[in-house]
Amino acid sequence: MKKVERINTIMRYINNRSYFTISEIMREFNISRSTAIRDIREIEAMGMPLEAEVGRDGGYSVMNNSVLPPIRFTDNEIKALFIAFMASRNQQLPYLKSRQSLAEKLLALIPETQQENLVLLNQILLFEGTNPKNPDLLDLSDLPLPMLEKLINLLLIDRHLFITIKEGKLIKSYPIYLLHLYREKSLWQIEGFDLKEEKRRIFLVDHLTHVKTYPMRKRLNEKKVLEKLSKHEEVNNLVIELGQRAIAQFKKYHPLKCSISYTNPYQATAILKTFINVNNPEELTEITNWLLFLGEDIEFRKVPEEVLKCLQKRSCLYSQ
């Protein structure tokens, strides 16, 4: 690691701590004691508000209420930021109102030679959703979901929410503990624990019409939520292993309530666990069609008899 990169990394390391020692810096960055001391002195000279503590185990504490020096970016780091910025364009991300000012500040931080490189990258690199006739960095051609920013701002304060969802012609409300907010297949989705029905639910943010915090007296703490979820997972009646081809099919399409867990570091195999309501004909038909869509690269560990019968029936029809 070059000296400039190392010092920048050490500064970020220090920024996230209230106290550190020279030994920690030596161990974390695999450098000698003399190099660590020289780097710390250089960082102090740049304005990092450090206070040395004497003694055998003495170290440095970062003084509170002080202005930290700006972190310097390498040429490759600037390119990485810029490309990530471009790749996220037209992705319906929150806080897009800040996008133009962010782009202007990013360009203002770097010298003219680097600006020319970024302009060239902007002309050459095209990502999904980019208009090739107008690949302008400062172009705001998409809009975030109206409720997305409000939802994020609220969940940063409180994850116990009372949400109102439009389901067809009906409007329904659910008290939830928000587990995850994620984007999949170009859709923002809420994964939450229904505090009333005590089960996991998936909601589309597209269908969200209102959100507010849930009353304190009716809440469950996170530990209780996870305990109830673990008990719920035990009733999963469909468990299948997916190979690489089946995983590729899964990524193309899957029901909202289904998710997979990879079982090796290369994401070549995975396992899926879910509950199928076999008494619901529509759900039974949907899951049968989907299992056929996944193809032959799957292995059943656990499957309801009703699902097997439907699969066998469909297989007979195909063979005819």
C-alpha atoms as a PDB file:
ATOM      1  CA  MET A   1       0.000   0.000   0.000  1.00  0.00           C
ATOM      2  CA  LYS A   2       1.357   3.406  -0.963  1.00  0.00           C
ATOM      3  CA  LYS A   3       2.006   5.948   1.784  1.00  0.00           C
ATOM      4  CA  VAL A   4      -0.823   8.316   0.738  1.00  0.00           C
ATOM      5  CA  GLU A   5      -3.334   5.448   0.615  1.00  0.00           C
ATOM      6  CA  ARG A   6      -2.107   4.122   3.975  1.00  0.00           C
ATOM      7  CA  ILE A   7      -2.397   7.482   5.703  1.00  0.00           C
ATOM      8  CA  ASN A   8      -5.890   8.022   4.303  1.00  0.00           C
ATOM      9  CA  THR A   9      -6.904   4.569   5.533  1.00  0.00           C
ATOM     10  CA  ILE A  10      -5.384   5.201   8.984  1.00  0.00           C
ATOM     11  CA  MET A  11      -7.294   8.501   9.185  1.00  0.00           C
ATOM     12  CA  ARG A  12     -10.568   6.691   8.469  1.00  0.00           C
ATOM     13  CA  TYR A  13      -9.615   4.059  11.054  1.00  0.00           C
ATOM     14  CA  ILE A  14      -8.997   6.769  13.660  1.00  0.00           C
ATOM     15  CA  ASN A  15     -12.164   8.693  12.769  1.00  0.00           C
ATOM     16  CA  ASN A  16     -14.226   5.662  13.819  1.00  0.00           C
ATOM     17  CA  ARG A  17     -12.577   5.330  17.243  1.00  0.00           C
ATOM     18  CA  SER A  18     -12.351   7.414  20.375  1.00  0.00           C
ATOM     19  CA  TYR A  19      -9.049   5.785  21.436  1.00  0.00           C
ATOM     20  CA  PHE A  20      -6.254   3.785  19.792  1.00  0.00           C
ATOM     21  CA  THR A  21      -2.654   2.712  20.408  1.00  0.00           C
ATOM     22  CA  ILE A  22       0.462   2.535  18.249  1.00  0.00           C
ATOM     23  CA  SER A  23       0.415  -1.261  18.663  1.00  0.00           C
ATOM     24  CA  GLU A  24      -3.096  -1.393  17.182  1.00  0.00           C
ATOM     25  CA  ILE A  25      -1.973   0.665  14.181  1.00  0.00           C
ATOM     26  CA  MET A  26       1.083  -1.591  13.697  1.00  0.00           C
ATOM     27  CA  ARG A  27      -1.031  -4.740  13.841  1.00  0.00           C
ATOM     28  CA  GLU A  28      -3.925  -3.423  11.732  1.00  0.00           C
ATOM     29  CA  PHE A  29      -1.738  -2.074   8.907  1.00  0.00           C
ATOM     30  CA  ASN A  30       1.220  -4.454   9.203  1.00  0.00           C
ATOM     31  CA  ILE A  31       3.791  -1.680   9.599  1.00  0.00           C
ATOM     32  CA  SER A  32       6.750  -1.107  11.920  1.00  0.00           C
ATOM     33  CA  ARG A  33       6.574   0.976  15.081  1.00  0.00           C
ATOM     34  CA  SER A  34       8.698   3.752  13.575  1.00  0.00           C
ATOM     35  CA  THR A  35       6.469   3.901  10.460  1.00  0.00           C
ATOM     36  CA  ALA A  36       3.333   3.994  12.607  1.00  0.00           C
ATOM     37  CA  ILE A  37       4.729   6.855  14.726  1.00  0.00           C
ATOM     38  CA  ARG A  38       5.762   8.836  11.602  1.00  0.00           C
ATOM     39  CA  ASP A  39       2.290   8.344  10.067  1.00  0.00           C
ATOM     40  CA  ILE A  40       0.539   9.477  13.262  1.00  0.00           C
ATOM     41  CA  ARG A  41       2.751  12.579  13.480  1.00  0.00           C
ATOM     42  CA  GLU A  42       1.974  13.416   9.860  1.00  0.00           C
ATOM     43  CA  ILE A  43      -1.742  12.981  10.531  1.00  0.00           C
ATOM     44  CA  GLU A  44      -1.453  15.274  13.564  1.00  0.00           C
ATOM     45  CA  ALA A  45       0.320  17.866  11.416  1.00  0.00           C
ATOM     46  CA  MET A  46      -2.616  17.761   9.002  1.00  0.00           C
ATOM     47  CA  GLY A  47      -4.938  18.845  11.808  1.00  0.00           C
ATOM     48  CA  MET A  48      -6.299  15.586  13.232  1.00  0.00           C
ATOM     49  CA  PRO A  49      -7.325  16.461  16.835  1.00  0.00           C
ATOM     50  CA  LEU A  50      -5.350  13.817  18.767  1.00  0.00           C
ATOM     51  CA  GLU A  51      -4.287  13.858  22.399  1.00  0.00           C
ATOM     52  CA  ALA A  52      -1.425  11.598  23.502  1.00  0.00           C
ATOM     53  CA  GLU A  53      -1.679   9.692  26.793  1.00  0.00           C
ATOM     54  CA  VAL A  54       1.588   8.846  28.573  1.00  0.00           C
ATOM     55  CA  GLY A  55       2.368   5.538  30.240  1.00  0.00           C
ATOM     56  CA  ARG A  56       3.301   1.990  29.307  1.00  0.00           C
ATOM     57  CA  ASP A  57      -0.074   1.316  27.704  1.00  0.00           C
ATOM     58  CA  GLY A  58      -0.607   4.881  26.600  1.00  0.00           C
ATOM     59  CA  GLY A  59      -2.126   5.705  23.263  1.00  0.00           C
ATOM     60  CA  TYR A  60      -4.065   8.453  21.565  1.00  0.00           C
ATOM     61  CA  SER A  61      -7.572   9.712  22.095  1.00  0.00           C
ATOM     62  CA  VAL A  62      -9.516  11.643  19.478  1.00  0.00           C
ATOM     63  CA  MET A  63     -10.729  14.926  20.955  1.00  0.00           C
ATOM     64  CA  ASN A  64     -14.467  15.532  20.779  1.00  0.00           C
ATOM     65  CA  ASN A  65     -16.121  18.596  19.275  1.00  0.00           C
ATOM     66  CA  SER A  66     -13.219  19.229  16.917  1.00  0.00           C
ATOM     67  CA  VAL A  67     -13.274  19.669  13.164  1.00  0.00           C
ATOM     68  CA  LEU A  68     -11.628  16.696  11.488  1.00  0.00           C
ATOM     69  CA  PRO A  69      -9.404  17.263   8.445  1.00  0.00           C
ATOM     70  CA  PRO A  70     -10.788  16.302   5.028  1.00  0.00           C
ATOM     71  CA  ILE A  71     -10.041  12.793   3.813  1.00  0.00           C
ATOM     72  CA  ARG A  72      -8.026  12.748   0.595  1.00  0.00           C
ATOM     73  CA  PHE A  73      -9.057  10.450  -2.246  1.00  0.00           C
ATOM     74  CA  THR A  74      -6.715   8.673  -4.639  1.00  0.00           C
ATOM     75  CA  ASP A  75      -7.266   8.762  -8.404  1.00  0.00           C
ATOM     76  CA  ASN A  76      -8.692   5.214  -8.375  1.00  0.00           C
ATOM     77  CA  GLU A  77     -11.000   6.025  -5.441  1.00  0.00           C
ATOM     78  CA  ILE A  78     -12.397   9.021  -7.337  1.00  0.00           C
ATOM     79  CA  LYS A  79     -13.060   6.791 -10.361  1.00  0.00           C
ATOM     80  CA  ALA A  80     -14.740   4.202  -8.128  1.00  0.00           C
ATOM     81  CA  LEU A  81     -17.023   6.862  -6.609  1.00  0.00           C
ATOM     82  CA  PHE A  82     -17.877   8.272  -9.999  1.00  0.00           C
ATOM     83  CA  ILE A  83     -18.658   4.896 -11.599  1.00  0.00           C
ATOM     84  CA  ALA A  84     -20.793   3.863  -8.614  1.00  0.00           C
ATOM     85  CA  PHE A  85     -22.590   7.187  -8.951  1.00  0.00           C
ATOM     86  CA  MET A  86     -23.226   6.593 -12.666  1.00  0.00           C
ATOM     87  CA  ALA A  87     -24.344   2.989 -12.135  1.00  0.00           C
ATOM     88  CA  SER A  88     -26.984   4.079  -9.632  1.00  0.00           C
ATOM     89  CA  ARG A  89     -28.553   6.575 -12.034  1.00  0.00           C
ATOM     90  CA  ASN A  90     -32.151   5.812 -13.032  1.00  0.00           C
ATOM     91  CA  GLN A  91     -32.470   3.377 -10.132  1.00  0.00           C
ATOM     92  CA  GLN A  92     -35.238   5.149  -8.166  1.00  0.00           C
ATOM     93  CA  LEU A  93     -32.967   5.695  -5.182  1.00  0.00           C
ATOM     94  CA  PRO A  94     -33.926   7.893  -2.230  1.00  0.00           C
ATOM     95  CA  TYR A  95     -32.534  11.399  -1.648  1.00  0.00           C
ATOM     96  CA  LEU A  96     -32.268  12.096  -5.384  1.00  0.00           C
ATOM     97  CA  LYS A  97     -32.951  15.794  -4.762  1.00  0.00           C
ATOM     98  CA  SER A  98     -29.337  15.970  -3.535  1.00  0.00           C
ATOM     99  CA  ARG A  99     -27.959  14.303  -6.650  1.00  0.00           C
ATOM    100  CA  GLN A 100     -27.056  17.427  -8.640  1.00  0.00           C
ATOM    101  CA  SER A 101     -25.310  19.169  -5.726  1.00  0.00           C
ATOM    102  CA  LEU A 102     -23.474  15.915  -4.938  1.00  0.00           C
ATOM    103  CA  ALA A 103     -22.220  15.651  -8.519  1.00  0.00           C
ATOM    104  CA  GLU A 104     -21.091  19.278  -8.544  1.00  0.00           C
ATOM    105  CA  LYS A 105     -19.203  18.849  -5.245  1.00  0.00           C
ATOM    106  CA  LEU A 106     -17.565  15.651  -6.473  1.00  0.00           C
ATOM    107  CA  LEU A 107     -16.290  17.399  -9.593  1.00  0.00           C
ATOM    108  CA  ALA A 108     -15.164  20.442  -7.603  1.00  0.00           C
ATOM    109  CA  LEU A 109     -13.013  18.259  -5.332  1.00  0.00           C
ATOM    110  CA  ILE A 110     -10.709  17.047  -8.067  1.00  0.00           C
ATOM    111  CA  PRO A 111      -8.177  18.700 -10.411  1.00  0.00           C
ATOM    112  CA  GLU A 112      -8.977  19.452 -14.051  1.00  0.00           C
ATOM    113  CA  THR A 113      -7.007  16.471 -15.387  1.00  0.00           C
ATOM    114  CA  GLN A 114      -9.155  14.084 -13.351  1.00  0.00           C
ATOM    115  CA  GLN A 115     -12.305  15.953 -14.387  1.00  0.00           C
ATOM    116  CA  GLU A 116     -11.425  15.286 -18.038  1.00  0.00           C
ATOM    117  CA  ASN A 117     -11.046  11.569 -17.289  1.00  0.00           C
ATOM    118  CA  LEU A 118     -14.447  11.473 -15.610  1.00  0.00           C
ATOM    119  CA  VAL A 119     -16.088  13.275 -18.516  1.00  0.00           C
ATOM    120  CA  LEU A 120     -14.568  10.680 -20.870  1.00  0.00           C
ATOM    121  CA  LEU A 121     -15.820   7.821 -18.670  1.00  0.00           C
ATOM    122  CA  ASN A 122     -19.252   9.419 -18.663  1.00  0.00           C
ATOM    123  CA  GLN A 123     -19.275   9.377 -22.470  1.00  0.00           C
ATOM    124  CA  ILE A 124     -18.035   5.786 -22.810  1.00  0.00           C
ATOM    125  CA  LEU A 125     -19.714   3.888 -19.961  1.00  0.00           C
ATOM    126  CA  LEU A 126     -23.432   3.221 -20.279  1.00  0.00           C
ATOM    127  CA  PHE A 127     -25.450   1.413 -17.623  1.00  0.00           C
ATOM    128  CA  GLU A 128     -28.916  -0.075 -17.595  1.00  0.00           C
ATOM    129  CA  GLY A 129     -31.537   2.662 -17.810  1.00  0.00           C
ATOM    130  CA  THR A 130     -29.113   5.284 -19.199  1.00  0.00           C
ATOM    131  CA  ASN A 131     -30.211   7.249 -22.241  1.00  0.00           C
ATOM    132  CA  PRO A 132     -27.205   7.014 -24.632  1.00  0.00           C
ATOM    133  CA  LYS A 133     -28.268  10.253 -26.339  1.00  0.00           C
ATOM    134  CA  ASN A 134     -28.130  12.130 -23.043  1.00  0.00           C
ATOM    135  CA  PRO A 135     -25.651  10.483 -20.643  1.00  0.00           C
ATOM    136  CA  ASP A 136     -25.209  13.713 -18.657  1.00  0.00           C
ATOM    137  CA  LEU A 137     -23.881  13.235 -15.136  1.00  0.00           C
ATOM    138  CA  LEU A 138     -26.144  15.946 -13.763  1.00  0.00           C
ATOM    139  CA  ASP A 139     -29.257  14.729 -15.538  1.00  0.00           C
ATOM    140  CA  LEU A 140     -32.041  13.738 -13.131  1.00  0.00           C
ATOM    141  CA  SER A 141     -34.209  11.519 -15.260  1.00  0.00           C
ATOM    142  CA  ASP A 142     -35.860   9.409 -12.596  1.00  0.00           C
ATOM    143  CA  LEU A 143     -37.897  10.049  -9.499  1.00  0.00           C
ATOM    144  CA  PRO A 144     -37.857   8.075  -6.238  1.00  0.00           C
ATOM    145  CA  LEU A 145     -40.994   6.523  -4.852  1.00  0.00           C
ATOM    146  CA  PRO A 146     -42.938   9.234  -2.983  1.00  0.00           C
ATOM    147  CA  MET A 147     -42.979   7.301   0.294  1.00  0.00           C
ATOM    148  CA  LEU A 148     -39.415   5.960   0.166  1.00  0.00           C
ATOM    149  CA  GLU A 149     -37.591   8.894   1.766  1.00  0.00           C
ATOM    150  CA  LYS A 150     -40.274   9.266   4.428  1.00  0.00           C
ATOM    151  CA  LEU A 151     -40.029   5.561   5.235  1.00  0.00           C
ATOM    152  CA  ILE A 152     -36.221   5.640   5.509  1.00  0.00           C
ATOM    153  CA  ASN A 153     -36.196   8.770   7.669  1.00  0.00           C
ATOM    154  CA  LEU A 154     -38.754   7.180   9.993  1.00  0.00           C
ATOM    155  CA  LEU A 155     -37.117   3.763  10.303  1.00  0.00           C
ATOM    156  CA  LEU A 156     -33.798   5.386  11.241  1.00  0.00           C
ATOM    157  CA  ILE A 157     -35.608   6.621  14.345  1.00  0.00           C
ATOM    158  CA  ASP A 158     -37.943   3.690  14.969  1.00  0.00           C
ATOM    159  CA  ARG A 159     -38.419   0.279  13.352  1.00  0.00           C
ATOM    160  CA  HIS A 160     -41.835  -0.307  14.944  1.00  0.00           C
ATOM    161  CA  LEU A 161     -44.157   1.001  12.245  1.00  0.00           C
ATOM    162  CA  PHE A 162     -47.840   1.135  11.406  1.00  0.00           C
ATOM    163  CA  ILE A 163     -48.100   0.970   7.628  1.00  0.00           C
ATOM    164  CA  THR A 164     -51.061   1.331   5.303  1.00  0.00           C
ATOM    165  CA  ILE A 165     -50.963  -0.677   2.076  1.00  0.00           C
ATOM    166  CA  LYS A 166     -53.179  -0.576  -1.010  1.00  0.00           C
ATOM    167  CA  GLU A 167     -54.041  -4.160  -1.976  1.00  0.00           C
ATOM    168  CA  GLY A 168     -56.095  -4.055  -5.160  1.00  0.00           C
ATOM    169  CA  LYS A 169     -59.210  -2.055  -4.324  1.00  0.00           C
ATOM    170  CA  LEU A 170     -58.712  -2.573  -0.582  1.00  0.00           C
ATOM    171  CA  ILE A 171     -56.738  -0.473   1.890  1.00  0.00           C
ATOM    172  CA  LYS A 172     -55.217  -2.473   4.757  1.00  0.00           C
ATOM    173  CA  SER A 173     -53.069  -1.493   7.726  1.00  0.00           C
ATOM    174  CA  TYR A 174     -50.420  -3.588   9.470  1.00  0.00           C
ATOM    175  CA  PRO A 175     -48.376  -3.085  12.644  1.00  0.00           C
ATOM    176  CA  ILE A 176     -44.868  -4.319  11.811  1.00  0.00           C
ATOM    177  CA  TYR A 177     -41.338  -4.494  13.081  1.00  0.00           C
ATOM    178  CA  LEU A 178     -39.233  -3.665  10.019  1.00  0.00           C
ATOM    179  CA  LEU A 179     -36.570  -6.313   9.380  1.00  0.00           C
ATOM    180  CA  HIS A 180     -35.181  -5.144   6.034  1.00  0.00           C
ATOM    181  CA  LEU A 181     -35.826  -2.608   3.317  1.00  0.00           C
ATOM    182  CA  TYR A 182     -34.405  -3.885   0.049  1.00  0.00           C
ATOM    183  CA  ARG A 183     -34.602  -3.518  -3.710  1.00  0.00           C
ATOM    184  CA  GLU A 184     -35.110  -6.574  -5.891  1.00  0.00           C
ATOM    185  CA  LYS A 185     -36.223  -6.948  -9.503  1.00  0.00           C
ATOM    186  CA  SER A 186     -36.471  -3.127  -9.738  1.00  0.00           C
ATOM    187  CA  LEU A 187     -38.944  -3.047  -6.836  1.00  0.00           C
ATOM    188  CA  TRP A 188     -38.442  -1.643  -3.335  1.00  0.00           C
ATOM    189  CA  GLN A 189     -39.768  -4.085  -0.766  1.00  0.00           C
ATOM    190  CA  ILE A 190     -40.375  -4.112   2.983  1.00  0.00           C
ATOM    191  CA  GLU A 191     -39.680  -7.283   4.913  1.00  0.00           C
ATOM    192  CA  GLY A 192     -41.440  -6.965   8.238  1.00  0.00           C
ATOM    193  CA  PHE A 193     -42.695  -8.987  11.181  1.00  0.00           C
ATOM    194  CA  ASP A 194     -46.468  -8.597  11.539  1.00  0.00           C
ATOM    195  CA  LEU A 195     -46.893  -7.776  15.250  1.00  0.00           C
ATOM    196  CA  LYS A 196     -50.564  -8.784  15.196  1.00  0.00           C
ATOM    197  CA  GLU A 197     -50.465 -12.013  13.189  1.00  0.00           C
ATOM    198  CA  GLU A 198     -46.926 -12.764  14.423  1.00  0.00           C
ATOM    199  CA  LYS A 199     -45.512 -13.793  11.068  1.00  0.00           C
ATOM    200  CA  ARG A 200     -43.129 -12.514   8.398  1.00  0.00           C
ATOM    201  CA  ARG A 201     -44.649 -10.427   5.588  1.00  0.00           C
ATOM    202  CA  ILE A 202     -43.374  -8.798   2.394  1.00  0.00           C
ATOM    203  CA  PHE A 203     -44.865  -5.488   1.202  1.00  0.00           C
ATOM    204  CA  LEU A 204     -44.194  -3.463  -1.938  1.00  0.00           C
ATOM    205  CA  VAL A 205     -43.220   0.140  -1.207  1.00  0.00           C
ATOM    206  CA  ASP A 206     -45.117   0.978  -4.430  1.00  0.00           C
ATOM    207  CA  HIS A 207     -48.318   0.100  -2.567  1.00  0.00           C
ATOM    208  CA  LEU A 208     -47.466   2.052   0.591  1.00  0.00           C
ATOM    209  CA  THR A 209     -49.874   4.948   1.186  1.00  0.00           C
ATOM    210  CA  HIS A 210     -49.086   5.934   4.786  1.00  0.00           C
ATOM    211  CA  VAL A 211     -46.555   5.134   7.492  1.00  0.00           C
ATOM    212  CA  LYS A 212     -46.188   6.197  11.132  1.00  0.00           C
ATOM    213  CA  THR A 213     -44.624   4.888  14.335  1.00  0.00           C
ATOM    214  CA  TYR A 214     -46.445   2.167  16.256  1.00  0.00           C
ATOM    215  CA  PRO A 215     -47.672   2.852  19.846  1.00  0.00           C
ATOM    216  CA  MET A 216     -45.121   1.988  22.542  1.00  0.00           C
ATOM    217  CA  ARG A 217     -47.464  -0.145  24.640  1.00  0.00           C
ATOM    218  CA  LYS A 218     -48.057  -2.691  21.865  1.00  0.00           C
ATOM    219  CA  ARG A 219     -44.447  -3.327  20.906  1.00  0.00           C
ATOM    220  CA  LEU A 220     -42.118  -6.325  21.008  1.00  0.00           C
ATOM    221  CA  ASN A 221     -38.387  -5.894  21.427  1.00  0.00           C
ATOM    222  CA  GLU A 222     -36.064  -7.197  18.717  1.00  0.00           C
ATOM    223  CA  LYS A 223     -35.104 -10.289  20.733  1.00  0.00           C
ATOM    224  CA  LYS A 224     -38.760 -11.342  21.063  1.00  0.00           C
ATOM    225  CA  VAL A 225     -39.368 -10.714  17.359  1.00  0.00           C
ATOM    226  CA  LEU A 226     -36.431 -12.928  16.364  1.00  0.00           C
ATOM    227  CA  GLU A 227     -37.556 -15.657  18.775  1.00  0.00           C
ATOM    228  CA  LYS A 228     -41.032 -15.718  17.264  1.00  0.00           C
ATOM    229  CA  LEU A 229     -39.585 -15.709  13.751  1.00  0.00           C
ATOM    230  CA  SER A 230     -37.361 -18.692  14.535  1.00  0.00           C
ATOM    231  CA  LYS A 231     -40.401 -20.628  15.781  1.00  0.00           C
ATOM    232  CA  HIS A 232     -42.273 -19.683  12.623  1.00  0.00           C
ATOM    233  CA  GLU A 233     -39.419 -20.944  10.439  1.00  0.00           C
ATOM    234  CA  GLU A 234     -39.894 -24.409  11.949  1.00  0.00           C
ATOM    235  CA  VAL A 235     -43.247 -24.799  10.137  1.00  0.00           C
ATOM    236  CA  ASN A 236     -41.652 -24.452   6.690  1.00  0.00           C
ATOM    237  CA  ASN A 237     -43.046 -27.307   4.621  1.00  0.00           C
ATOM    238  CA  LEU A 238     -41.081 -26.740   1.407  1.00  0.00           C
ATOM    239  CA  VAL A 239     -37.295 -27.056   1.521  1.00  0.00           C
ATOM    240  CA  ILE A 240     -35.326 -27.388  -1.705  1.00  0.00           C
ATOM    241  CA  GLU A 241     -31.682 -27.256  -2.736  1.00  0.00           C
ATOM    242  CA  LEU A 242     -30.870 -25.210  -5.833  1.00  0.00           C
ATOM    243  CA  GLY A 243     -27.971 -25.712  -8.207  1.00  0.00           C
ATOM    244  CA  GLN A 244     -26.394 -23.013 -10.332  1.00  0.00           C
ATOM    245  CA  ARG A 245     -28.944 -23.203 -13.176  1.00  0.00           C
ATOM    246  CA  ALA A 246     -31.868 -23.137 -10.747  1.00  0.00           C
ATOM    247  CA  ILE A 247     -30.351 -20.111  -8.962  1.00  0.00           C
ATOM    248  CA  ALA A 248     -30.165 -18.298 -12.312  1.00  0.00           C
ATOM    249  CA  GLN A 249     -33.858 -19.067 -12.867  1.00  0.00           C
ATOM    250  CA  PHE A 250     -34.678 -17.938  -9.317  1.00  0.00           C
ATOM    251  CA  LYS A 251     -33.066 -14.560  -9.991  1.00  0.00           C
ATOM    252  CA  LYS A 252     -35.254 -14.113 -13.063  1.00  0.00           C
ATOM    253  CA  TYR A 253     -38.475 -14.662 -11.152  1.00  0.00           C
ATOM    254  CA  HIS A 254     -39.660 -15.796  -7.742  1.00  0.00           C
ATOM    255  CA  PRO A 255     -42.649 -15.142  -5.483  1.00  0.00           C
ATOM    256  CA  LEU A 256     -42.124 -12.217  -3.139  1.00  0.00           C
ATOM    257  CA  LYS A 257     -42.242 -14.324   0.006  1.00  0.00           C
ATOM    258  CA  CYS A 258     -39.458 -16.676  -1.161  1.00  0.00           C
ATOM    259  CA  SER A 259     -35.753 -16.111  -0.538  1.00  0.00           C
ATOM    260  CA  ILE A 260     -32.650 -18.268  -0.781  1.00  0.00           C
ATOM    261  CA  SER A 261     -29.553 -18.751   1.381  1.00  0.00           C
ATOM    262  CA  TYR A 262     -26.311 -19.544  -0.419  1.00  0.00           C
ATOM    263  CA  THR A 263     -24.533 -22.626   0.874  1.00  0.00           C
ATOM    264  CA  ASN A 264     -21.065 -22.020  -0.576  1.00  0.00           C
ATOM    265  CA  PRO A 265     -18.797 -18.963  -1.006  1.00  0.00           C
ATOM    266  CA  TYR A 266     -19.171 -18.983  -4.812  1.00  0.00           C
ATOM    267  CA  GLN A 267     -22.990 -18.773  -4.673  1.00  0.00           C
ATOM    268  CA  ALA A 268     -23.215 -21.884  -6.856  1.00  0.00           C
ATOM    269  CA  THR A 269     -25.605 -23.713  -4.517  1.00  0.00           C
ATOM    270  CA  ALA A 270     -28.390 -22.479  -2.280  1.00  0.00           C
ATOM    271  CA  ILE A 271     -31.251 -23.625  -0.099  1.00  0.00           C
ATOM    272  CA  LEU A 272     -34.804 -22.320  -0.045  1.00  0.00           C
ATOM    273  CA  LYS A 273     -37.229 -22.684   2.860  1.00  0.00           C
ATOM    274  CA  THR A 274     -40.813 -21.483   2.796  1.00  0.00           C
ATOM    275  CA  PHE A 275     -44.349 -22.327   3.803  1.00  0.00           C
ATOM    276  CA  ILE A 276     -46.948 -23.334   1.211  1.00  0.00           C
ATOM    277  CA  ASN A 277     -50.628 -23.123   2.045  1.00  0.00           C
ATOM    278  CA  VAL A 278     -51.756 -26.306   0.292  1.00  0.00           C
ATOM    279  CA  ASN A 279     -55.397 -25.479   1.065  1.00  0.00           C
ATOM    280  CA  ASN A 280     -55.203 -22.437  -1.193  1.00  0.00           C
ATOM    281  CA  PRO A 281     -55.659 -23.646  -4.824  1.00  0.00           C
ATOM    282  CA  GLU A 282     -54.252 -20.419  -6.313  1.00  0.00           C
ATOM    283  CA  GLU A 283     -51.088 -20.596  -4.223  1.00  0.00           C
ATOM    284  CA  LEU A 284     -50.689 -24.305  -4.973  1.00  0.00           C
ATOM    285  CA  THR A 285     -50.945 -23.668  -8.720  1.00  0.00           C
ATOM    286  CA  GLU A 286     -48.550 -20.724  -8.530  1.00  0.00           C
ATOM    287  CA  ILE A 287     -45.881 -22.650  -6.627  1.00  0.00           C
ATOM    288  CA  THR A 288     -46.220 -25.666  -8.963  1.00  0.00           C
ATOM    289  CA  ASN A 289     -45.695 -23.467 -12.038  1.00  0.00           C
ATOM    290  CA  TRP A 290     -42.742 -21.799 -10.383  1.00  0.00           C
ATOM    291  CA  LEU A 291     -41.040 -25.071  -9.399  1.00  0.00           C
ATOM    292  CA  LEU A 292     -41.347 -26.225 -13.008  1.00  0.00           C
ATOM    293  CA  PHE A 293     -39.880 -22.880 -14.078  1.00  0.00           C
ATOM    294  CA  LEU A 294     -36.822 -23.483 -11.847  1.00  0.00           C
ATOM    295  CA  GLY A 295     -36.030 -26.575 -13.923  1.00  0.00           C
ATOM    296  CA  GLU A 296     -34.374 -29.870 -13.067  1.00  0.00           C
ATOM    297  CA  ASP A 297     -31.418 -28.420 -11.150  1.00  0.00           C
ATOM    298  CA  ILE A 298     -33.285 -28.674  -7.822  1.00  0.00           C
ATOM    299  CA  GLU A 299     -33.477 -31.331  -5.135  1.00  0.00           C
ATOM    300  CA  PHE A 300     -36.364 -31.617  -2.685  1.00  0.00           C
ATOM    301  CA  ARG A 301     -35.527 -32.024   0.975  1.00  0.00           C
ATOM    302  CA  LYS A 302     -39.068 -31.470   2.144  1.00  0.00           C
ATOM    303  CA  VAL A 303     -42.197 -31.050   0.056  1.00  0.00           C
ATOM    304  CA  PRO A 304     -45.968 -31.305   0.737  1.00  0.00           C
ATOM    305  CA  GLU A 305     -47.666 -34.302  -0.842  1.00  0.00           C
ATOM    306  CA  GLU A 306     -50.158 -31.972  -2.554  1.00  0.00           C
ATOM    307  CA  VAL A 307     -47.331 -30.185  -4.343  1.00  0.00           C
ATOM    308  CA  LEU A 308     -45.825 -33.480  -5.504  1.00  0.00           C
ATOM    309  CA  LYS A 309     -49.174 -34.602  -6.890  1.00  0.00           C
ATOM    310  CA  CYS A 310     -49.558 -31.348  -8.824  1.00  0.00           C
ATOM    311  CA  LEU A 311     -46.038 -31.698 -10.227  1.00  0.00           C
ATOM    312  CA  GLN A 312     -46.668 -35.286 -11.271  1.00  0.00           C
ATOM    313  CA  LYS A 313     -49.957 -34.308 -12.904  1.00  0.00           C
ATOM    314  CA  ARG A 314     -48.284 -31.486 -14.843  1.00  0.00           C
ATOM    315  CA  SER A 315     -45.446 -33.800 -15.875  1.00  0.00           C
ATOM    316  CA  CYS A 316     -47.950 -36.322 -17.257  1.00  0.00           C
ATOM    317  CA  LEU A 317     -49.654 -33.578 -19.253  1.00  0.00           C
ATOM    318  CA  TYR A 318     -46.326 -32.462 -20.719  1.00  0.00           C
ATOM    319  CA  SER A 319     -45.368 -36.032 -21.643  1.00  0.00           C
ATOM    320  CA  GLN A 320     -48.625 -36.438 -23.581  1.00  0.00           C
END
